[in-house]
């Protein structure tokens, strides 16, 4: 059965187009330019934008639903469903649930939480309860002595499409300024005992001496299993050079402009956080996503910790002072993140692509409002 959507503002790879987008068997089969809705059975979206479904390659959102308050654990399946619903209403049709293999946060033992969160999302998917497609991104803290025992049970999970290597040892990369890091934790209400634990160079879940070997092993596993690999929080040219040598496809949240520039020189895509862009600054005091865009170094935006930030940041890129063409701005949240992870079947409104699309009303105050979402041609939100 073929269905048709009409919009005066379809965001295609060539730019804005007034057109009918025809869908069959979950795919875009035709894009027919037209100034008016000329098909009786077409859904007329009027002046609303029609954009490709967003692809989020880094979000901490599942963890936030699994433990919505410090010490308050939620039902794991319920957390999966709540997370999924929030992503869909932000226009995200493909989401990489990004789970950190790294110590504790707000009292949550991430080692204990890992398997239940993955199992709940697997269950929700197998039972047809999810509206977005959920893939898996394991964030590998290389200083964790138990890292490999946490990664290996999930290497055969078909949802595992992304690995990243990171090192949060205090005093370098993201936390080079220890006083700022400490102040941020304390202002967020983190318990003193947990602050002390996070500031300690060595704990029962952090041993810097195992970092080089763990990184080497994760790099080898990514190559063996054909999983895309990213680096996290590169701060120096040397960090980026190492990431390039390891086969990383992207520099995730580079913390300096020098690192972002070097990544671009070596062909790595720069991933920045949507909240960083919308707020105008990194919450940890590192490289601003807007500064990255101003230097023409921004390739991908992820939701990080606010799902709605992606679509807001993309539309901001199309406004002053950036004034990017709308198709290029949308590429940062759709095509580019899809391609960097090897997903070639989505991310554009183009014949042959999956019919993952979002109807967006741009409010007078600049906020894009998601009105309808389609995944593989089916309305899901």
Foldseek 3Di string as FASTA:
>chain_A
DKAWEFEQFEQFLVAGAGWIFIADQQFGADTGGDNDPPDPRYHYLYHWYKFFQFAFEAAQQLVCLQAVAQVRGDQLLVSLLVSLVQLVQLRHQEYANEQECAQDDSNRGSLVVVVSNVVSNVVCVVVVNGRHHYAYEYEAALQFPCRVVSPVVCLPPPRQAEYEYEHLQACDQLRVPVVLVLVLCVVVVNDPVVSVVSNDRDDNGGHVVRRVVSLVVVLVSCVVSVHAYEYERAEALVSLVVCVVSPHQAHEAHFAPRSLVSCVVSNHAYEYELVLQVVVHDPSGGDRPVVCVVVVRHQAYHNHHHSNSLVLNLLVCCDPPNVDRSSRSQQRGFVRVCVSSPNPQTRGSDGRHRPWIWTWDQDPVGRTGTDWTDGSRHTRD
